[in-house]
Amino acid sequence: MCMAFDLAVLSAHLGSGFPRFVYHDGAFESLDSRKKRSLWRSIVSMPPSVFRSS
């Protein structure tokens, strides 16, 4: 769940300019279907500013 941790860090540091870039490849490949849905719901419920650089 490294991706979930990184998203938590991103949301905690909104507006501070840290970090500048986060990339994850294959975040959903090895997850159980329930965890995929849960992680996806968490991602889509985040404010768009989490995904933009400052």
PDB file of N, CA and C in Angstrom:
ATOM      1  N   MET A   1       0.825  -1.194   0.000  1.00  0.00           N
ATOM      2  CA  MET A   1       0.000   0.000   0.000  1.00  0.00           C
ATOM      3  C   MET A   1       0.868   1.256   0.000  1.00  0.00           C
ATOM      4  N   CYS A   2       1.990   1.158  -0.648  1.00  0.00           N
ATOM      5  CA  CYS A   2       2.883   2.303  -0.765  1.00  0.00           C
ATOM      6  C   CYS A   2       2.165   3.489  -1.416  1.00  0.00           C
ATOM      7  N   MET A   3       1.314   3.199  -2.394  1.00  0.00           N
ATOM      8  CA  MET A   3       0.592   4.267  -3.075  1.00  0.00           C
ATOM      9  C   MET A   3      -0.339   5.000  -2.105  1.00  0.00           C
ATOM     10  N   ALA A   4      -1.006   4.277  -1.234  1.00  0.00           N
ATOM     11  CA  ALA A   4      -1.891   4.905  -0.257  1.00  0.00           C
ATOM     12  C   ALA A   4      -1.099   5.816   0.680  1.00  0.00           C
ATOM     13  N   PHE A   5       0.085   5.377   1.086  1.00  0.00           N
ATOM     14  CA  PHE A   5       0.930   6.205   1.942  1.00  0.00           C
ATOM     15  C   PHE A   5       1.334   7.486   1.206  1.00  0.00           C
ATOM     16  N   ASP A   6       1.770   7.339  -0.047  1.00  0.00           N
ATOM     17  CA  ASP A   6       2.171   8.516  -0.817  1.00  0.00           C
ATOM     18  C   ASP A   6       1.022   9.494  -1.006  1.00  0.00           C
ATOM     19  N   LEU A   7      -0.186   8.990  -1.244  1.00  0.00           N
ATOM     20  CA  LEU A   7      -1.342   9.871  -1.368  1.00  0.00           C
ATOM     21  C   LEU A   7      -1.637  10.588  -0.055  1.00  0.00           C
ATOM     22  N   ALA A   8      -1.435   9.897   1.066  1.00  0.00           N
ATOM     23  CA  ALA A   8      -1.629  10.538   2.370  1.00  0.00           C
ATOM     24  C   ALA A   8      -0.616  11.658   2.571  1.00  0.00           C
ATOM     25  N   VAL A   9       0.631  11.425   2.191  1.00  0.00           N
ATOM     26  CA  VAL A   9       1.662  12.463   2.297  1.00  0.00           C
ATOM     27  C   VAL A   9       1.322  13.643   1.390  1.00  0.00           C
ATOM     28  N   LEU A  10       0.895  13.349   0.157  1.00  0.00           N
ATOM     29  CA  LEU A  10       0.509  14.429  -0.760  1.00  0.00           C
ATOM     30  C   LEU A  10      -0.611  15.280  -0.185  1.00  0.00           C
ATOM     31  N   SER A  11      -1.627  14.629   0.360  1.00  0.00           N
ATOM     32  CA  SER A  11      -2.755  15.398   0.896  1.00  0.00           C
ATOM     33  C   SER A  11      -2.361  16.186   2.139  1.00  0.00           C
ATOM     34  N   ALA A  12      -1.426  15.661   2.925  1.00  0.00           N
ATOM     35  CA  ALA A  12      -0.984  16.372   4.136  1.00  0.00           C
ATOM     36  C   ALA A  12      -0.153  17.608   3.796  1.00  0.00           C
ATOM     37  N   HIS A  13       0.492  17.605   2.649  1.00  0.00           N
ATOM     38  CA  HIS A  13       1.374  18.711   2.270  1.00  0.00           C
ATOM     39  C   HIS A  13       0.804  19.576   1.153  1.00  0.00           C
ATOM     40  N   LEU A  14      -0.505  19.610   1.030  1.00  0.00           N
ATOM     41  CA  LEU A  14      -1.128  20.457   0.012  1.00  0.00           C
ATOM     42  C   LEU A  14      -0.688  21.905   0.185  1.00  0.00           C
ATOM     43  N   GLY A  15      -0.308  22.518  -0.896  1.00  0.00           N
ATOM     44  CA  GLY A  15       0.055  23.930  -0.857  1.00  0.00           C
ATOM     45  C   GLY A  15       1.484  24.218  -0.450  1.00  0.00           C
ATOM     46  N   SER A  16       2.224  23.214  -0.022  1.00  0.00           N
ATOM     47  CA  SER A  16       3.592  23.471   0.431  1.00  0.00           C
ATOM     48  C   SER A  16       4.629  23.270  -0.671  1.00  0.00           C
ATOM     49  N   GLY A  17       4.218  22.716  -1.815  1.00  0.00           N
ATOM     50  CA  GLY A  17       5.161  22.490  -2.896  1.00  0.00           C
ATOM     51  C   GLY A  17       5.988  21.225  -2.715  1.00  0.00           C
ATOM     52  N   PHE A  18       5.656  20.429  -1.724  1.00  0.00           N
ATOM     53  CA  PHE A  18       6.362  19.164  -1.493  1.00  0.00           C
ATOM     54  C   PHE A  18       5.363  18.042  -1.485  1.00  0.00           C
ATOM     55  N   PRO A  19       5.615  16.944  -2.062  1.00  0.00           N
ATOM     56  CA  PRO A  19       6.639  16.697  -3.078  1.00  0.00           C
ATOM     57  C   PRO A  19       6.192  17.225  -4.432  1.00  0.00           C
ATOM     58  N   ARG A  20       7.115  17.335  -5.340  1.00  0.00           N
ATOM     59  CA  ARG A  20       6.822  17.883  -6.663  1.00  0.00           C
ATOM     60  C   ARG A  20       6.278  16.825  -7.621  1.00  0.00           C
ATOM     61  N   PHE A  21       6.599  15.541  -7.396  1.00  0.00           N
ATOM     62  CA  PHE A  21       6.228  14.510  -8.363  1.00  0.00           C
ATOM     63  C   PHE A  21       6.121  13.155  -7.673  1.00  0.00           C
ATOM     64  N   VAL A  22       5.068  12.415  -7.968  1.00  0.00           N
ATOM     65  CA  VAL A  22       4.908  11.042  -7.474  1.00  0.00           C
ATOM     66  C   VAL A  22       4.384  10.203  -8.631  1.00  0.00           C
ATOM     67  N   TYR A  23       4.984   9.040  -8.825  1.00  0.00           N
ATOM     68  CA  TYR A  23       4.571   8.148  -9.911  1.00  0.00           C
ATOM     69  C   TYR A  23       4.475   6.721  -9.384  1.00  0.00           C
ATOM     70  N   HIS A  24       3.405   6.044  -9.723  1.00  0.00           N
ATOM     71  CA  HIS A  24       3.247   4.640  -9.356  1.00  0.00           C
ATOM     72  C   HIS A  24       2.789   3.864 -10.578  1.00  0.00           C
ATOM     73  N   ASP A  25       3.442   2.753 -10.826  1.00  0.00           N
ATOM     74  CA  ASP A  25       3.096   1.898 -11.951  1.00  0.00           C
ATOM     75  C   ASP A  25       2.557   0.578 -11.404  1.00  0.00           C
ATOM     76  N   GLY A  26       1.398   0.161 -11.876  1.00  0.00           N
ATOM     77  CA  GLY A  26       0.854  -1.126 -11.474  1.00  0.00           C
ATOM     78  C   GLY A  26       0.313  -1.172 -10.058  1.00  0.00           C
ATOM     79  N   ALA A  27      -0.236  -0.080  -9.598  1.00  0.00           N
ATOM     80  CA  ALA A  27      -0.716  -0.018  -8.214  1.00  0.00           C
ATOM     81  C   ALA A  27      -1.856  -0.991  -7.934  1.00  0.00           C
ATOM     82  N   PHE A  28      -2.631  -1.320  -8.945  1.00  0.00           N
ATOM     83  CA  PHE A  28      -3.804  -2.165  -8.738  1.00  0.00           C
ATOM     84  C   PHE A  28      -3.576  -3.628  -9.119  1.00  0.00           C
ATOM     85  N   GLU A  29      -2.466  -3.946  -9.740  1.00  0.00           N
ATOM     86  CA  GLU A  29      -2.259  -5.277 -10.301  1.00  0.00           C
ATOM     87  C   GLU A  29      -2.334  -6.417  -9.292  1.00  0.00           C
ATOM     88  N   SER A  30      -1.748  -6.243  -8.128  1.00  0.00           N
ATOM     89  CA  SER A  30      -1.676  -7.357  -7.179  1.00  0.00           C
ATOM     90  C   SER A  30      -2.697  -7.269  -6.050  1.00  0.00           C
ATOM     91  N   LEU A  31      -3.560  -6.280  -6.090  1.00  0.00           N
ATOM     92  CA  LEU A  31      -4.528  -6.109  -5.005  1.00  0.00           C
ATOM     93  C   LEU A  31      -5.772  -6.970  -5.192  1.00  0.00           C
ATOM     94  N   ASP A  32      -6.340  -7.380  -4.083  1.00  0.00           N
ATOM     95  CA  ASP A  32      -7.637  -8.041  -4.052  1.00  0.00           C
ATOM     96  C   ASP A  32      -8.687  -7.053  -4.569  1.00  0.00           C
ATOM     97  N   SER A  33      -9.738  -7.555  -5.188  1.00  0.00           N
ATOM     98  CA  SER A  33     -10.767  -6.685  -5.786  1.00  0.00           C
ATOM     99  C   SER A  33     -11.354  -5.701  -4.792  1.00  0.00           C
ATOM    100  N   ARG A  34     -11.585  -6.127  -3.555  1.00  0.00           N
ATOM    101  CA  ARG A  34     -12.153  -5.211  -2.541  1.00  0.00           C
ATOM    102  C   ARG A  34     -11.190  -4.073  -2.234  1.00  0.00           C
ATOM    103  N   LYS A  35      -9.907  -4.393  -2.156  1.00  0.00           N
ATOM    104  CA  LYS A  35      -8.914  -3.353  -1.874  1.00  0.00           C
ATOM    105  C   LYS A  35      -8.749  -2.419  -3.065  1.00  0.00           C
ATOM    106  N   LYS A  36      -8.863  -2.955  -4.275  1.00  0.00           N
ATOM    107  CA  LYS A  36      -8.814  -2.100  -5.469  1.00  0.00           C
ATOM    108  C   LYS A  36      -9.935  -1.075  -5.432  1.00  0.00           C
ATOM    109  N   ARG A  37     -11.146  -1.540  -5.132  1.00  0.00           N
ATOM    110  CA  ARG A  37     -12.289  -0.616  -5.078  1.00  0.00           C
ATOM    111  C   ARG A  37     -12.107   0.421  -3.975  1.00  0.00           C
ATOM    112  N   SER A  38     -11.637  -0.020  -2.828  1.00  0.00           N
ATOM    113  CA  SER A  38     -11.431   0.903  -1.713  1.00  0.00           C
ATOM    114  C   SER A  38     -10.379   1.958  -2.050  1.00  0.00           C
ATOM    115  N   LEU A  39      -9.266   1.516  -2.633  1.00  0.00           N
ATOM    116  CA  LEU A  39      -8.212   2.460  -3.008  1.00  0.00           C
ATOM    117  C   LEU A  39      -8.713   3.420  -4.085  1.00  0.00           C
ATOM    118  N   TRP A  40      -9.437   2.907  -5.061  1.00  0.00           N
ATOM    119  CA  TRP A  40      -9.964   3.762  -6.127  1.00  0.00           C
ATOM    120  C   TRP A  40     -10.923   4.810  -5.566  1.00  0.00           C
ATOM    121  N   ARG A  41     -11.810   4.404  -4.646  1.00  0.00           N
ATOM    122  CA  ARG A  41     -12.734   5.374  -4.027  1.00  0.00           C
ATOM    123  C   ARG A  41     -11.957   6.458  -3.280  1.00  0.00           C
ATOM    124  N   SER A  42     -10.875   6.069  -2.619  1.00  0.00           N
ATOM    125  CA  SER A  42     -10.053   7.053  -1.907  1.00  0.00           C
ATOM    126  C   SER A  42      -9.415   8.041  -2.869  1.00  0.00           C
ATOM    127  N   ILE A  43      -8.932   7.524  -3.997  1.00  0.00           N
ATOM    128  CA  ILE A  43      -8.265   8.389  -4.977  1.00  0.00           C
ATOM    129  C   ILE A  43      -9.249   9.372  -5.596  1.00  0.00           C
ATOM    130  N   VAL A  44     -10.409   8.891  -6.030  1.00  0.00           N
ATOM    131  CA  VAL A  44     -11.351   9.791  -6.705  1.00  0.00           C
ATOM    132  C   VAL A  44     -12.015  10.771  -5.742  1.00  0.00           C
ATOM    133  N   SER A  45     -11.970  10.508  -4.454  1.00  0.00           N
ATOM    134  CA  SER A  45     -12.573  11.441  -3.497  1.00  0.00           C
ATOM    135  C   SER A  45     -11.601  12.537  -3.067  1.00  0.00           C
ATOM    136  N   MET A  46     -10.339  12.451  -3.488  1.00  0.00           N
ATOM    137  CA  MET A  46      -9.352  13.461  -3.122  1.00  0.00           C
ATOM    138  C   MET A  46      -9.568  14.731  -3.962  1.00  0.00           C
ATOM    139  N   PRO A  47      -9.254  15.879  -3.397  1.00  0.00           N
ATOM    140  CA  PRO A  47      -9.413  17.125  -4.167  1.00  0.00           C
ATOM    141  C   PRO A  47      -8.426  17.161  -5.335  1.00  0.00           C
ATOM    142  N   PRO A  48      -8.811  17.763  -6.445  1.00  0.00           N
ATOM    143  CA  PRO A  48      -7.926  17.816  -7.624  1.00  0.00           C
ATOM    144  C   PRO A  48      -6.574  18.466  -7.337  1.00  0.00           C
ATOM    145  N   SER A  49      -6.518  19.340  -6.347  1.00  0.00           N
ATOM    146  CA  SER A  49      -5.252  20.019  -6.038  1.00  0.00           C
ATOM    147  C   SER A  49      -4.173  19.046  -5.586  1.00  0.00           C
ATOM    148  N   VAL A  50      -4.540  17.856  -5.133  1.00  0.00           N
ATOM    149  CA  VAL A  50      -3.556  16.858  -4.736  1.00  0.00           C
ATOM    150  C   VAL A  50      -2.743  16.416  -5.945  1.00  0.00           C
ATOM    151  N   PHE A  51      -3.365  16.422  -7.104  1.00  0.00           N
ATOM    152  CA  PHE A  51      -2.737  15.883  -8.288  1.00  0.00           C
ATOM    153  C   PHE A  51      -2.053  16.928  -9.158  1.00  0.00           C
ATOM    154  N   ARG A  52      -2.071  18.182  -8.721  1.00  0.00           N
ATOM    155  CA  ARG A  52      -1.433  19.254  -9.478  1.00  0.00           C
ATOM    156  C   ARG A  52      -0.189  19.718  -8.764  1.00  0.00           C
ATOM    157  N   SER A  53       0.822  20.053  -9.534  1.00  0.00           N
ATOM    158  CA  SER A  53       2.018  20.629  -8.914  1.00  0.00           C
ATOM    159  C   SER A  53       1.791  22.110  -8.683  1.00  0.00           C
ATOM    160  N   SER A  54       2.484  22.651  -7.707  1.00  0.00           N
ATOM    161  CA  SER A  54       2.311  24.076  -7.409  1.00  0.00           C
ATOM    162  C   SER A  54       3.327  24.923  -8.109  1.00  0.00           C
TER     163      SER A  54
END
